[in-house]
Every structure is written in C-alpha cells, then in structure tokens.
Amino acid sequence: MRKLTLIALMASISFLGFSSVASATSVGLVIVGTAGGGAGIFSSTASSVTLNVSGSATLTVDVQVDIDSRGLAGLFMSLKFDTDGENEVNVVSFTELSWAFVNMMGATTSELGQLTTGINSTQESAAAVEGQLYTFEGQSLGTGPANTTLTFARVVFSTNSANVATDGDDIFSGTFFPGEVVGCNSPGCDITSSVSFGGIAVNLVPEPGTISLLGLGIGALVLAGGRRGRK
C-alpha cells in the first residue's frame, strides 16, 4: 500500500531535466563516532570496527544517501543486523531525520519529510534471531533533492564483546520488506533495483597466539618455496 501511494505521488511530480548523472544513487552506512571502554577498540574505518579481545564499543552509524541527478522523491528502507544469529551488536537508539535544501536566496526548494513519526517496528537480535529496524522513511511532496549527499537516519549500536567474531558485515541496509522502495523525481520512477546498499563489519583482532601461528605458517611457505626454487 505504501509503495502504491509513493508511486502515485511521484507520478504527479513534473519531470526536471539535469545535465548529467555523476554516479548512481546509493545508500551507505558510515561509522561517524566510536567509544570504547579502556582499550576496547583496536582500529576503525568508516565501514568497519575491529575490537581487541574482550573489548567493547559503542558505534554511531549514519545512514547516508548519495543522490544522483535523477533526484530522490522518496525512500523507504530498513536495517538488519546479526543476520547470522550471533548477536554481535544491539541497538541503543535510533533517529529518523527530515532534510531540507535551502538555496542561496534563503528559500526552501526541496525536502524529504516523514509521513509518520517513528518506524514500523524493531526487533532486537538474540541467539539465532536477527535484528531489524523497519522502516526508515522520507518522501517529498514536490521535487526532491538531487546531486547531493544527506544523512537519512542515525543509529547507535553497542557491541556484545563475548560474541564478536571476524565474519563479514554484521549490519546491513536495504529494501527488505514489502512496500519498501526508492523513487526518483521522474513521474512514476522506481530506481530500487539500481540502488546499492552498504553495510558495517564488527570484527575481532586475532589473539597474539593466532598471529604468531599465522606468521610461522607464512614463514614456512616462504622457506619451502625458496628450497624448490634452488632445485
């Protein structure tokens, strides 16, 4: 129903032409803040954090949308986490954000706002249970923003130190549920299938013994290769 409503509203939006498409619209998850007790955090980047053994951290993650020249008339999307049931992270808080573009003359020319306050539902992860934040939403009743980057939502996660493992992404963004869609400024435009969605990995630094064993293994391979080369 929500998707039909979005498409109907987008169909009433007049088409605006733009000079070029710099890149496709994408949705990324970006770590904008970390806090760890003691020496909990070994290292971090915009898309991953590595914890020391038994370390813990709090991660502030922004849902950032890079919008191409086709514009963004509406976005309905969710987050999933701990989809492998390992319960590596928990949600501390989340916020939907409304966004408006103000031109040089001080006039608001385009905006994305929430149709309803809050999100549909949340599900905290547990052993063998994935976590869900369903649905973050934003929609323009006129021409939406284009050729810009905006923060669509902000979520704070805490890590469960006893469960963290190096096993790929642990937090995912996407259109996972019925009615979730990404629409551009053309009438009836649905670009959901062409949008890329990013994730966040929470990893654990190898213990010193593991690193030593890895170094010995690499050294043995190098030595064996050298011996074969001399034959």
C-alpha atoms as a PDB file:
ATOM      1  CA  MET A   1       0.000   0.000   0.000  1.00  0.00           C
ATOM      2  CA  ARG A   2       2.806   2.408   0.906  1.00  0.00           C
ATOM      3  CA  LYS A   3       4.618   1.644  -2.331  1.00  0.00           C
ATOM      4  CA  LEU A   4       1.463   2.312  -4.363  1.00  0.00           C
ATOM      5  CA  THR A   5       0.984   5.603  -2.501  1.00  0.00           C
ATOM      6  CA  LEU A   6       4.587   6.625  -3.223  1.00  0.00           C
ATOM      7  CA  ILE A   7       4.367   5.762  -6.914  1.00  0.00           C
ATOM      8  CA  ALA A   8       1.074   7.652  -7.220  1.00  0.00           C
ATOM      9  CA  LEU A   9       2.593  10.749  -5.620  1.00  0.00           C
ATOM     10  CA  MET A  10       5.704  10.528  -7.779  1.00  0.00           C
ATOM     11  CA  ALA A  11       3.515  10.316 -10.873  1.00  0.00           C
ATOM     12  CA  SER A  12       2.186  13.784 -10.068  1.00  0.00           C
ATOM     13  CA  ILE A  13       5.673  15.292  -9.870  1.00  0.00           C
ATOM     14  CA  SER A  14       6.737  17.145 -13.008  1.00  0.00           C
ATOM     15  CA  PHE A  15       9.959  15.937 -14.651  1.00  0.00           C
ATOM     16  CA  LEU A  16      13.046  18.131 -14.347  1.00  0.00           C
ATOM     17  CA  GLY A  17      15.982  17.568 -16.688  1.00  0.00           C
ATOM     18  CA  PHE A  18      19.557  17.561 -15.400  1.00  0.00           C
ATOM     19  CA  SER A  19      22.802  17.868 -17.304  1.00  0.00           C
ATOM     20  CA  SER A  20      24.453  14.564 -16.367  1.00  0.00           C
ATOM     21  CA  VAL A  21      24.437  11.679 -13.926  1.00  0.00           C
ATOM     22  CA  ALA A  22      27.664  11.721 -11.943  1.00  0.00           C
ATOM     23  CA  SER A  23      27.024   8.370 -10.278  1.00  0.00           C
ATOM     24  CA  ALA A  24      24.120   6.161  -9.314  1.00  0.00           C
ATOM     25  CA  THR A  25      22.174   6.855  -6.139  1.00  0.00           C
ATOM     26  CA  SER A  26      23.498   4.775  -3.250  1.00  0.00           C
ATOM     27  CA  VAL A  27      22.752   4.226   0.435  1.00  0.00           C
ATOM     28  CA  GLY A  28      25.727   3.738   2.735  1.00  0.00           C
ATOM     29  CA  LEU A  29      26.226   3.011   6.408  1.00  0.00           C
ATOM     30  CA  VAL A  30      29.004   5.203   7.814  1.00  0.00           C
ATOM     31  CA  ILE A  31      30.553   4.994  11.282  1.00  0.00           C
ATOM     32  CA  VAL A  32      30.753   8.624  12.444  1.00  0.00           C
ATOM     33  CA  GLY A  33      31.637   8.001  16.080  1.00  0.00           C
ATOM     34  CA  THR A  34      33.121   5.294  18.294  1.00  0.00           C
ATOM     35  CA  ALA A  35      33.523   4.945  22.033  1.00  0.00           C
ATOM     36  CA  GLY A  36      35.158   2.023  23.795  1.00  0.00           C
ATOM     37  CA  GLY A  37      35.890   1.220  27.387  1.00  0.00           C
ATOM     38  CA  GLY A  38      39.641   1.230  28.016  1.00  0.00           C
ATOM     39  CA  ALA A  39      41.469  -0.192  25.013  1.00  0.00           C
ATOM     40  CA  GLY A  40      38.357  -1.825  23.576  1.00  0.00           C
ATOM     41  CA  ILE A  41      38.834  -0.571  20.022  1.00  0.00           C
ATOM     42  CA  PHE A  42      41.839  -1.806  18.063  1.00  0.00           C
ATOM     43  CA  SER A  43      41.045   0.150  14.870  1.00  0.00           C
ATOM     44  CA  SER A  44      38.116   1.582  12.935  1.00  0.00           C
ATOM     45  CA  THR A  45      37.220   2.885   9.484  1.00  0.00           C
ATOM     46  CA  ALA A  46      34.056   4.374   8.032  1.00  0.00           C
ATOM     47  CA  SER A  47      32.644   0.901   7.360  1.00  0.00           C
ATOM     48  CA  SER A  48      34.207  -1.351   9.999  1.00  0.00           C
ATOM     49  CA  VAL A  49      35.486  -1.519  13.539  1.00  0.00           C
ATOM     50  CA  THR A  50      37.939  -4.047  14.969  1.00  0.00           C
ATOM     51  CA  LEU A  51      37.822  -4.759  18.692  1.00  0.00           C
ATOM     52  CA  ASN A  52      40.541  -6.052  20.943  1.00  0.00           C
ATOM     53  CA  VAL A  53      39.885  -9.406  22.588  1.00  0.00           C
ATOM     54  CA  SER A  54      37.126  -8.920  25.190  1.00  0.00           C
ATOM     55  CA  GLY A  55      36.832  -5.304  24.031  1.00  0.00           C
ATOM     56  CA  SER A  56      33.533  -3.486  23.606  1.00  0.00           C
ATOM     57  CA  ALA A  57      32.412  -0.362  21.822  1.00  0.00           C
ATOM     58  CA  THR A  58      29.506   1.923  21.048  1.00  0.00           C
ATOM     59  CA  LEU A  59      29.137   2.826  17.377  1.00  0.00           C
ATOM     60  CA  THR A  60      27.262   5.822  15.981  1.00  0.00           C
ATOM     61  CA  VAL A  61      26.212   4.919  12.447  1.00  0.00           C
ATOM     62  CA  ASP A  62      24.726   7.336   9.904  1.00  0.00           C
ATOM     63  CA  VAL A  63      22.552   6.180   7.025  1.00  0.00           C
ATOM     64  CA  GLN A  64      23.971   8.383   4.251  1.00  0.00           C
ATOM     65  CA  VAL A  65      22.329   8.725   0.855  1.00  0.00           C
ATOM     66  CA  ASP A  66      24.361   9.859  -2.174  1.00  0.00           C
ATOM     67  CA  ILE A  67      21.757  11.165  -4.623  1.00  0.00           C
ATOM     68  CA  ASP A  68      22.424  11.430  -8.351  1.00  0.00           C
ATOM     69  CA  SER A  69      20.942  13.926 -10.817  1.00  0.00           C
ATOM     70  CA  ARG A  70      17.672  11.980 -11.095  1.00  0.00           C
ATOM     71  CA  GLY A  71      16.869  13.154  -7.585  1.00  0.00           C
ATOM     72  CA  LEU A  72      15.182  11.440  -4.668  1.00  0.00           C
ATOM     73  CA  ALA A  73      11.402  11.732  -4.347  1.00  0.00           C
ATOM     74  CA  GLY A  74      11.050   9.034  -1.708  1.00  0.00           C
ATOM     75  CA  LEU A  75      12.998   6.413   0.207  1.00  0.00           C
ATOM     76  CA  PHE A  76      11.568   3.587   2.314  1.00  0.00           C
ATOM     77  CA  MET A  77      14.266   1.281   3.706  1.00  0.00           C
ATOM     78  CA  SER A  78      15.289  -0.784   6.724  1.00  0.00           C
ATOM     79  CA  LEU A  79      18.303  -2.085   8.592  1.00  0.00           C
ATOM     80  CA  LYS A  80      19.009  -5.675   9.537  1.00  0.00           C
ATOM     81  CA  PHE A  81      21.769  -6.808  11.873  1.00  0.00           C
ATOM     82  CA  ASP A  82      23.163 -10.074  13.209  1.00  0.00           C
ATOM     83  CA  THR A  83      21.502 -11.951  10.384  1.00  0.00           C
ATOM     84  CA  ASP A  84      23.653 -14.980  11.254  1.00  0.00           C
ATOM     85  CA  GLY A  85      22.101 -15.111  14.739  1.00  0.00           C
ATOM     86  CA  GLU A  86      25.405 -14.447  16.503  1.00  0.00           C
ATOM     87  CA  ASN A  87      24.080 -11.408  18.426  1.00  0.00           C
ATOM     88  CA  GLU A  88      27.222  -9.309  17.979  1.00  0.00           C
ATOM     89  CA  VAL A  89      25.518  -5.890  18.264  1.00  0.00           C
ATOM     90  CA  ASN A  90      22.449  -4.364  19.940  1.00  0.00           C
ATOM     91  CA  VAL A  91      20.546  -1.129  19.233  1.00  0.00           C
ATOM     92  CA  VAL A  92      20.969   1.658  21.789  1.00  0.00           C
ATOM     93  CA  SER A  93      18.957   4.350  19.978  1.00  0.00           C
ATOM     94  CA  PHE A  94      17.777   5.429  16.534  1.00  0.00           C
ATOM     95  CA  THR A  95      16.575   8.659  14.950  1.00  0.00           C
ATOM     96  CA  GLU A  96      14.809   9.441  11.679  1.00  0.00           C
ATOM     97  CA  LEU A  97      15.901  12.737  10.163  1.00  0.00           C
ATOM     98  CA  SER A  98      13.996  15.177   7.967  1.00  0.00           C
ATOM     99  CA  TRP A  99      16.077  17.096   5.451  1.00  0.00           C
ATOM    100  CA  ALA A 100      15.528  20.340   3.550  1.00  0.00           C
ATOM    101  CA  PHE A 101      17.606  22.120   0.918  1.00  0.00           C
ATOM    102  CA  VAL A 102      17.779  25.898   1.192  1.00  0.00           C
ATOM    103  CA  ASN A 103      19.073  27.782  -1.855  1.00  0.00           C
ATOM    104  CA  MET A 104      21.289  30.881  -1.883  1.00  0.00           C
ATOM    105  CA  MET A 105      18.229  33.153  -1.738  1.00  0.00           C
ATOM    106  CA  GLY A 106      17.117  31.524   1.506  1.00  0.00           C
ATOM    107  CA  ALA A 107      14.132  29.665   0.034  1.00  0.00           C
ATOM    108  CA  THR A 108      13.439  26.000   0.678  1.00  0.00           C
ATOM    109  CA  THR A 109      13.362  24.353  -2.723  1.00  0.00           C
ATOM    110  CA  SER A 110      13.099  20.655  -1.937  1.00  0.00           C
ATOM    111  CA  GLU A 111      12.747  18.457   1.100  1.00  0.00           C
ATOM    112  CA  LEU A 112      12.252  14.962   2.387  1.00  0.00           C
ATOM    113  CA  GLY A 113       9.948  14.550   5.341  1.00  0.00           C
ATOM    114  CA  GLN A 114       8.476  11.692   7.352  1.00  0.00           C
ATOM    115  CA  LEU A 115       4.968  10.519   6.570  1.00  0.00           C
ATOM    116  CA  THR A 116       4.623   9.093  10.072  1.00  0.00           C
ATOM    117  CA  THR A 117       6.576   9.561  13.285  1.00  0.00           C
ATOM    118  CA  GLY A 118       8.877   6.721  14.241  1.00  0.00           C
ATOM    119  CA  ILE A 119       9.349   3.421  12.444  1.00  0.00           C
ATOM    120  CA  ASN A 120       7.044   0.432  11.958  1.00  0.00           C
ATOM    121  CA  SER A 121       8.770  -1.985  14.299  1.00  0.00           C
ATOM    122  CA  THR A 122      12.046  -3.050  15.872  1.00  0.00           C
ATOM    123  CA  GLN A 123      13.405  -6.482  16.671  1.00  0.00           C
ATOM    124  CA  GLU A 124      16.466  -6.865  18.857  1.00  0.00           C
ATOM    125  CA  SER A 125      18.916  -9.570  17.909  1.00  0.00           C
ATOM    126  CA  ALA A 126      19.469 -12.583  20.127  1.00  0.00           C
ATOM    127  CA  ALA A 127      20.946 -16.051  19.786  1.00  0.00           C
ATOM    128  CA  ALA A 128      19.678 -17.390  16.431  1.00  0.00           C
ATOM    129  CA  VAL A 129      17.473 -14.279  15.973  1.00  0.00           C
ATOM    130  CA  GLU A 130      18.324 -11.441  13.555  1.00  0.00           C
ATOM    131  CA  GLY A 131      17.773  -7.801  14.472  1.00  0.00           C
ATOM    132  CA  GLN A 132      15.556  -5.428  12.475  1.00  0.00           C
ATOM    133  CA  LEU A 133      14.793  -1.709  12.283  1.00  0.00           C
ATOM    134  CA  TYR A 134      11.785  -1.459   9.942  1.00  0.00           C
ATOM    135  CA  THR A 135      11.110   1.087   8.154  1.00  0.00           C
ATOM    136  CA  PHE A 136      13.013   4.403   7.897  1.00  0.00           C
ATOM    137  CA  GLU A 137      11.126   6.683   5.534  1.00  0.00           C
ATOM    138  CA  GLY A 138      11.374  10.021   3.777  1.00  0.00           C
ATOM    139  CA  GLN A 139       9.259  11.458   0.974  1.00  0.00           C
ATOM    140  CA  SER A 140       8.884  14.704  -0.913  1.00  0.00           C
ATOM    141  CA  LEU A 141       5.501  16.086  -1.916  1.00  0.00           C
ATOM    142  CA  GLY A 142       7.276  18.089  -4.607  1.00  0.00           C
ATOM    143  CA  THR A 143      10.610  17.760  -6.353  1.00  0.00           C
ATOM    144  CA  GLY A 144      13.079  16.020  -4.086  1.00  0.00           C
ATOM    145  CA  PRO A 145      16.783  16.798  -3.613  1.00  0.00           C
ATOM    146  CA  ALA A 146      19.317  15.917  -6.339  1.00  0.00           C
ATOM    147  CA  ASN A 147      23.103  15.880  -6.768  1.00  0.00           C
ATOM    148  CA  THR A 148      23.803  15.871  -3.053  1.00  0.00           C
ATOM    149  CA  THR A 149      24.554  13.715  -0.021  1.00  0.00           C
ATOM    150  CA  LEU A 150      22.305  13.684   3.017  1.00  0.00           C
ATOM    151  CA  THR A 151      22.049  11.861   6.328  1.00  0.00           C
ATOM    152  CA  PHE A 152      18.797   9.942   6.320  1.00  0.00           C
ATOM    153  CA  ALA A 153      18.897   8.399   9.798  1.00  0.00           C
ATOM    154  CA  ARG A 154      21.258   7.814  12.728  1.00  0.00           C
ATOM    155  CA  VAL A 155      21.549   4.634  14.795  1.00  0.00           C
ATOM    156  CA  VAL A 156      23.701   3.906  17.840  1.00  0.00           C
ATOM    157  CA  PHE A 157      24.787   0.286  18.369  1.00  0.00           C
ATOM    158  CA  SER A 158      26.613  -1.381  21.240  1.00  0.00           C
ATOM    159  CA  THR A 159      28.775  -4.459  20.726  1.00  0.00           C
ATOM    160  CA  ASN A 160      28.489  -7.719  22.637  1.00  0.00           C
ATOM    161  CA  SER A 161      32.165  -8.436  23.277  1.00  0.00           C
ATOM    162  CA  ALA A 162      31.727 -12.144  24.050  1.00  0.00           C
ATOM    163  CA  ASN A 163      30.010 -12.747  20.681  1.00  0.00           C
ATOM    164  CA  VAL A 164      32.059 -10.622  18.262  1.00  0.00           C
ATOM    165  CA  ALA A 165      33.855 -12.526  15.513  1.00  0.00           C
ATOM    166  CA  THR A 166      35.508 -11.650  12.212  1.00  0.00           C
ATOM    167  CA  ASP A 167      32.810 -12.940   9.895  1.00  0.00           C
ATOM    168  CA  GLY A 168      31.952 -10.192   7.395  1.00  0.00           C
ATOM    169  CA  ASP A 169      29.299  -7.489   7.646  1.00  0.00           C
ATOM    170  CA  ASP A 170      27.067  -7.511  10.718  1.00  0.00           C
ATOM    171  CA  ILE A 171      24.801  -4.524   9.953  1.00  0.00           C
ATOM    172  CA  PHE A 172      23.011  -4.227   6.604  1.00  0.00           C
ATOM    173  CA  SER A 173      20.896  -1.594   4.837  1.00  0.00           C
ATOM    174  CA  GLY A 174      18.348  -2.354   2.131  1.00  0.00           C
ATOM    175  CA  THR A 175      14.758  -2.667   0.975  1.00  0.00           C
ATOM    176  CA  PHE A 176      13.986  -5.899   2.803  1.00  0.00           C
ATOM    177  CA  PHE A 177      10.253  -5.672   3.406  1.00  0.00           C
ATOM    178  CA  PRO A 178       7.093  -5.302   1.268  1.00  0.00           C
ATOM    179  CA  GLY A 179       6.398  -1.705   0.245  1.00  0.00           C
ATOM    180  CA  GLU A 180       9.982  -0.501   0.622  1.00  0.00           C
ATOM    181  CA  VAL A 181      11.105   1.434  -2.432  1.00  0.00           C
ATOM    182  CA  VAL A 182      13.430   4.145  -3.741  1.00  0.00           C
ATOM    183  CA  GLY A 183      11.893   6.653  -6.135  1.00  0.00           C
ATOM    184  CA  CYS A 184      13.414   9.465  -8.219  1.00  0.00           C
ATOM    185  CA  ASN A 185      11.927  12.732  -9.479  1.00  0.00           C
ATOM    186  CA  SER A 186      10.599  11.449 -12.803  1.00  0.00           C
ATOM    187  CA  PRO A 187       6.877  10.548 -12.893  1.00  0.00           C
ATOM    188  CA  GLY A 188       6.360   7.044 -11.526  1.00  0.00           C
ATOM    189  CA  CYS A 189      10.115   6.495 -11.208  1.00  0.00           C
ATOM    190  CA  ASP A 190      11.228   3.440  -9.229  1.00  0.00           C
ATOM    191  CA  ILE A 191      15.038   3.048  -9.021  1.00  0.00           C
ATOM    192  CA  THR A 192      15.076   0.463  -6.221  1.00  0.00           C
ATOM    193  CA  SER A 193      16.814  -2.215  -8.272  1.00  0.00           C
ATOM    194  CA  SER A 194      19.688   0.092  -9.284  1.00  0.00           C
ATOM    195  CA  VAL A 195      20.499   1.439  -5.800  1.00  0.00           C
ATOM    196  CA  SER A 196      23.459  -0.068  -3.945  1.00  0.00           C
ATOM    197  CA  PHE A 197      23.188  -0.516  -0.171  1.00  0.00           C
ATOM    198  CA  GLY A 198      26.132  -0.676   2.237  1.00  0.00           C
ATOM    199  CA  GLY A 199      26.920  -2.430   5.495  1.00  0.00           C
ATOM    200  CA  ILE A 200      29.110  -2.335   8.609  1.00  0.00           C
ATOM    201  CA  ALA A 201      31.501  -5.037   9.844  1.00  0.00           C
ATOM    202  CA  VAL A 202      32.332  -5.560  13.521  1.00  0.00           C
ATOM    203  CA  ASN A 203      35.494  -7.664  13.773  1.00  0.00           C
ATOM    204  CA  LEU A 204      37.791  -9.061  16.436  1.00  0.00           C
ATOM    205  CA  VAL A 205      41.562  -8.635  16.298  1.00  0.00           C
ATOM    206  CA  PRO A 206      43.374 -12.011  16.296  1.00  0.00           C
ATOM    207  CA  GLU A 207      44.853 -13.046  19.633  1.00  0.00           C
ATOM    208  CA  PRO A 208      48.683 -12.842  19.837  1.00  0.00           C
ATOM    209  CA  GLY A 209      48.986 -16.637  19.680  1.00  0.00           C
ATOM    210  CA  THR A 210      46.936 -16.757  16.494  1.00  0.00           C
ATOM    211  CA  ILE A 211      49.073 -14.031  14.899  1.00  0.00           C
ATOM    212  CA  SER A 212      52.263 -15.935  15.836  1.00  0.00           C
ATOM    213  CA  LEU A 213      50.952 -19.163  14.315  1.00  0.00           C
ATOM    214  CA  LEU A 214      49.985 -17.289  11.152  1.00  0.00           C
ATOM    215  CA  GLY A 215      53.474 -15.780  10.933  1.00  0.00           C
ATOM    216  CA  LEU A 216      55.092 -19.194  11.367  1.00  0.00           C
ATOM    217  CA  GLY A 217      52.866 -20.644   8.642  1.00  0.00           C
ATOM    218  CA  ILE A 218      53.753 -17.875   6.188  1.00  0.00           C
ATOM    219  CA  GLY A 219      57.446 -18.247   7.027  1.00  0.00           C
ATOM    220  CA  ALA A 220      57.304 -21.998   6.384  1.00  0.00           C
ATOM    221  CA  LEU A 221      55.645 -21.418   2.998  1.00  0.00           C
ATOM    222  CA  VAL A 222      58.298 -18.865   2.010  1.00  0.00           C
ATOM    223  CA  LEU A 223      61.098 -21.234   3.094  1.00  0.00           C
ATOM    224  CA  ALA A 224      59.580 -24.148   1.184  1.00  0.00           C
ATOM    225  CA  GLY A 225      59.221 -22.014  -1.921  1.00  0.00           C
ATOM    226  CA  GLY A 226      62.856 -20.927  -1.678  1.00  0.00           C
ATOM    227  CA  ARG A 227      64.032 -24.519  -1.464  1.00  0.00           C
ATOM    228  CA  ARG A 228      62.025 -25.522  -4.526  1.00  0.00           C
ATOM    229  CA  GLY A 229      63.486 -22.565  -6.441  1.00  0.00           C
ATOM    230  CA  ARG A 230      67.079 -23.744  -5.761  1.00  0.00           C
ATOM    231  CA  LYS A 231      66.493 -27.271  -7.107  1.00  0.00           C
END
